[in-house]
Amino acid sequence: MNTLKKIFLIIIISISAGNIIPAQKQLPNGSKAPEINVTDHFVRNFNWNEKLKEGPVVVVFYRGQWCRYCNLYMYHLADSLSMITDLGATLIAVTPENNKYIDETIMKTKANFSIVYDVGHQIMDSYKVTWNVSKFANFFYKLRGIDLNKASDGTDRALPVPATYIVGQDGKIKAGYFNKNYKYRMPVSKIVEELKKLSE
């Protein structure tokens, strides 16, 4: 194997490792969901216990406004929000990006449900979705104009696995979707289907 091929192979392995190794495991159905008590991007108080008294909570994690798959999913959620709220559920999206970038997400997707800047990725950590992009892979993100640390006001290049969890009024996870491949998400139709089961 010549030198050029070796360098290319090292690049591919480094990028792949940076995108797979740190990812964690899906929280199992029936387990207690970590509480989320925050002020959302719209300066609305999101009290976990109060929201559960009203109905189920759908928790969505997304990477950022730069991710076209995230934007498409957020748009679908916004477009179908009434289908979720009509079943008594509350939707909250969690991102490592700060409020400036959340504004861009809202502009691109018309999202009007609760969105939270997860400072220091505390919520992401509690749901075990946090992973860290390798320095090498981060270099290529920057070449594309994506500065993960600037967007999060952090230093560790943290992103979430774009998972979705449906939490019942007892505070336990009833359904979830966790896929390390960022191109795939729980379809809105599946969210609605699971929420209907809870209302039966």
Protein backbone atom coordinates (compact mmCIF):
# COMPACT_ATOMS: atom_id res chain seq x y z
CA MET A 1 0.00 0.00 0.00
CA ASN A 2 1.53 3.30 -1.05
CA THR A 3 1.80 6.36 1.22
CA LEU A 4 -1.16 8.23 -0.34
CA LYS A 5 -3.48 5.27 0.19
CA LYS A 6 -2.32 4.94 3.80
CA ILE A 7 -3.06 8.61 4.47
CA PHE A 8 -6.51 8.31 2.89
CA LEU A 9 -7.26 5.21 5.00
CA ILE A 10 -6.21 6.99 8.19
CA ILE A 11 -8.52 9.90 7.33
CA ILE A 12 -11.51 7.60 6.75
CA ILE A 13 -10.90 5.65 9.98
CA SER A 14 -10.48 8.85 12.01
CA ILE A 15 -13.68 10.38 10.71
CA SER A 16 -15.63 7.17 11.25
CA ALA A 17 -14.31 6.68 14.77
CA GLY A 18 -15.14 10.24 15.67
CA ASN A 19 -18.72 9.69 14.66
CA ILE A 20 -19.39 6.29 16.22
CA ILE A 21 -17.29 5.43 19.28
CA PRO A 22 -18.66 7.90 21.86
CA ALA A 23 -22.37 7.23 21.21
CA GLN A 24 -24.27 5.71 24.13
CA LYS A 25 -27.19 3.31 24.55
CA GLN A 26 -30.91 3.84 24.25
CA LEU A 27 -32.82 4.22 27.51
CA PRO A 28 -35.14 1.18 27.80
CA ASN A 29 -38.91 1.35 27.77
CA GLY A 30 -40.27 1.26 31.29
CA SER A 31 -37.32 3.12 32.78
CA LYS A 32 -37.76 6.43 34.57
CA ALA A 33 -37.14 9.34 32.23
CA PRO A 34 -34.76 12.04 33.47
CA GLU A 35 -36.67 15.17 34.43
CA ILE A 36 -36.36 18.35 32.38
CA ASN A 37 -36.98 21.61 34.21
CA VAL A 38 -35.94 24.59 32.11
CA THR A 39 -36.92 27.90 30.59
CA ASP A 40 -37.29 27.30 26.88
CA HIS A 41 -36.22 29.48 23.97
CA PHE A 42 -39.53 31.33 24.05
CA VAL A 43 -38.93 32.18 27.74
CA ARG A 44 -41.67 29.78 28.79
CA ASN A 45 -41.28 27.75 31.95
CA PHE A 46 -41.10 24.03 31.24
CA ASN A 47 -41.85 22.20 34.48
CA TRP A 48 -41.55 18.45 34.05
CA ASN A 49 -44.08 17.37 36.68
CA GLU A 50 -46.62 19.98 35.61
CA LYS A 51 -46.34 18.93 31.98
CA LEU A 52 -46.83 15.26 32.89
CA LYS A 53 -50.00 16.17 34.78
CA GLU A 54 -51.32 17.55 31.48
CA GLY A 55 -50.32 14.53 29.39
CA PRO A 56 -47.38 12.63 27.87
CA VAL A 57 -44.15 14.41 26.93
CA VAL A 58 -42.27 13.85 23.67
CA VAL A 59 -38.55 14.61 24.00
CA VAL A 60 -36.56 15.14 20.80
CA PHE A 61 -32.82 15.73 20.46
CA TYR A 62 -31.40 17.46 17.39
CA ARG A 63 -27.87 18.40 16.36
CA GLY A 64 -28.28 21.94 15.08
CA GLN A 65 -29.49 24.35 12.44
CA TRP A 66 -26.64 23.30 10.12
CA CYS A 67 -27.99 19.74 9.87
CA ARG A 68 -30.45 19.43 6.98
CA TYR A 69 -31.84 16.17 8.36
CA CYS A 70 -32.55 17.90 11.68
CA ASN A 71 -34.20 20.82 9.91
CA LEU A 72 -36.40 18.51 7.88
CA TYR A 73 -37.46 16.63 11.01
CA MET A 74 -38.12 19.82 12.95
CA TYR A 75 -40.21 21.08 10.04
CA HIS A 76 -42.27 17.88 10.02
CA LEU A 77 -42.79 18.14 13.78
CA ALA A 78 -43.91 21.76 13.48
CA ASP A 79 -46.19 20.96 10.55
CA SER A 80 -47.82 18.08 12.47
CA LEU A 81 -47.75 19.65 15.93
CA SER A 82 -51.54 19.71 16.28
CA MET A 83 -51.65 15.93 15.79
CA ILE A 84 -49.40 15.62 18.85
CA THR A 85 -51.03 18.25 21.05
CA ASP A 86 -54.54 17.04 20.20
CA LEU A 87 -53.57 13.82 21.99
CA GLY A 88 -52.73 15.81 25.10
CA ALA A 89 -48.96 15.60 24.63
CA THR A 90 -46.26 18.25 24.96
CA LEU A 91 -43.28 18.37 22.61
CA ILE A 92 -39.85 19.62 23.63
CA ALA A 93 -36.70 19.68 21.49
CA VAL A 94 -33.22 19.75 23.02
CA THR A 95 -30.10 21.01 21.23
CA PRO A 96 -26.50 21.83 22.16
CA GLU A 97 -26.76 25.07 20.14
CA ASN A 98 -27.24 28.40 21.86
CA ASN A 99 -30.21 30.73 21.38
CA LYS A 100 -28.70 32.59 18.41
CA TYR A 101 -28.61 29.35 16.44
CA ILE A 102 -32.00 28.23 17.73
CA ASP A 103 -33.34 31.41 16.11
CA GLU A 104 -31.94 30.12 12.83
CA THR A 105 -33.60 26.74 13.37
CA ILE A 106 -36.93 28.45 13.95
CA MET A 107 -36.49 30.60 10.85
CA LYS A 108 -35.73 27.52 8.72
CA THR A 109 -38.36 25.17 10.18
CA LYS A 110 -41.15 27.39 11.61
CA ALA A 111 -40.90 25.40 14.86
CA ASN A 112 -43.12 26.92 17.55
CA PHE A 113 -42.89 24.25 20.24
CA SER A 114 -40.49 24.34 23.20
CA ILE A 115 -36.82 24.30 22.17
CA VAL A 116 -34.07 24.25 24.77
CA TYR A 117 -30.42 25.23 24.60
CA ASP A 118 -28.81 22.47 26.66
CA VAL A 119 -26.03 24.40 28.40
CA GLY A 120 -23.11 22.08 29.10
CA HIS A 121 -25.17 19.23 27.55
CA GLN A 122 -26.60 18.31 30.95
CA ILE A 123 -29.91 17.07 29.53
CA MET A 124 -28.13 15.19 26.76
CA ASP A 125 -25.92 13.51 29.34
CA SER A 126 -28.88 12.51 31.51
CA TYR A 127 -30.55 10.87 28.49
CA LYS A 128 -27.24 9.24 27.50
CA VAL A 129 -27.23 10.65 23.97
CA THR A 130 -24.04 12.75 24.19
CA TRP A 131 -21.03 11.96 22.06
CA ASN A 132 -17.96 13.98 21.10
CA VAL A 133 -16.80 14.61 17.57
CA SER A 134 -13.12 13.80 17.16
CA LYS A 135 -10.72 16.71 16.62
CA PHE A 136 -9.95 15.33 13.19
CA ALA A 137 -13.59 15.13 12.13
CA ASN A 138 -14.21 18.55 13.66
CA PHE A 139 -11.58 19.94 11.30
CA PHE A 140 -13.72 18.88 8.35
CA TYR A 141 -16.85 20.33 9.96
CA LYS A 142 -15.03 23.66 10.17
CA LEU A 143 -14.08 23.43 6.51
CA ARG A 144 -17.84 23.32 5.84
CA GLY A 145 -18.37 26.40 8.00
CA ILE A 146 -19.72 24.47 11.00
CA ASP A 147 -18.15 25.47 14.32
CA LEU A 148 -19.64 23.14 16.94
CA ASN A 149 -17.94 24.75 19.93
CA LYS A 150 -18.93 28.27 18.89
CA ALA A 151 -22.55 27.18 18.48
CA SER A 152 -22.65 25.50 21.89
CA ASP A 153 -20.36 27.91 23.77
CA GLY A 154 -18.48 24.76 24.73
CA THR A 155 -15.06 23.19 24.24
CA ASP A 156 -15.67 19.48 23.76
CA ARG A 157 -17.42 19.28 20.37
CA ALA A 158 -20.48 17.57 21.87
CA LEU A 159 -23.45 16.47 19.76
CA PRO A 160 -26.49 14.33 20.59
CA VAL A 161 -27.57 11.14 18.94
CA PRO A 162 -30.84 12.50 17.43
CA ALA A 163 -33.06 10.34 19.64
CA THR A 164 -36.76 10.64 20.42
CA TYR A 165 -38.48 9.51 23.63
CA ILE A 166 -42.17 9.37 24.50
CA VAL A 167 -42.74 9.65 28.24
CA GLY A 168 -46.01 8.66 29.87
CA GLN A 169 -47.74 10.54 32.68
CA ASP A 170 -46.13 8.17 35.19
CA GLY A 171 -42.75 9.58 34.14
CA LYS A 172 -41.65 6.36 32.46
CA ILE A 173 -40.46 5.92 28.90
CA LYS A 174 -43.14 4.27 26.78
CA ALA A 175 -41.39 4.33 23.41
CA GLY A 176 -38.10 5.53 22.02
CA TYR A 177 -36.01 5.78 18.91
CA PHE A 178 -32.20 5.86 19.11
CA ASN A 179 -30.15 5.55 15.94
CA LYS A 180 -26.51 6.54 15.63
CA ASN A 181 -27.12 7.19 11.95
CA TYR A 182 -28.21 10.85 12.02
CA LYS A 183 -30.17 10.45 8.79
CA TYR A 184 -32.93 8.48 10.52
CA ARG A 185 -35.53 9.68 13.09
CA MET A 186 -38.76 8.42 14.62
CA PRO A 187 -41.43 9.29 12.04
CA VAL A 188 -44.12 11.70 13.20
CA SER A 189 -46.69 9.05 12.29
CA LYS A 190 -44.99 6.68 14.75
CA ILE A 191 -45.04 9.33 17.49
CA VAL A 192 -48.77 9.79 16.93
CA GLU A 193 -49.33 6.04 16.90
CA GLU A 194 -47.55 5.62 20.26
CA LEU A 195 -49.43 8.54 21.79
CA LYS A 196 -52.74 7.04 20.69
CA LYS A 197 -51.82 3.82 22.51
CA LEU A 198 -51.36 5.83 25.69
CA SER A 199 -54.78 7.43 25.33
CA GLU A 200 -56.61 4.13 24.87
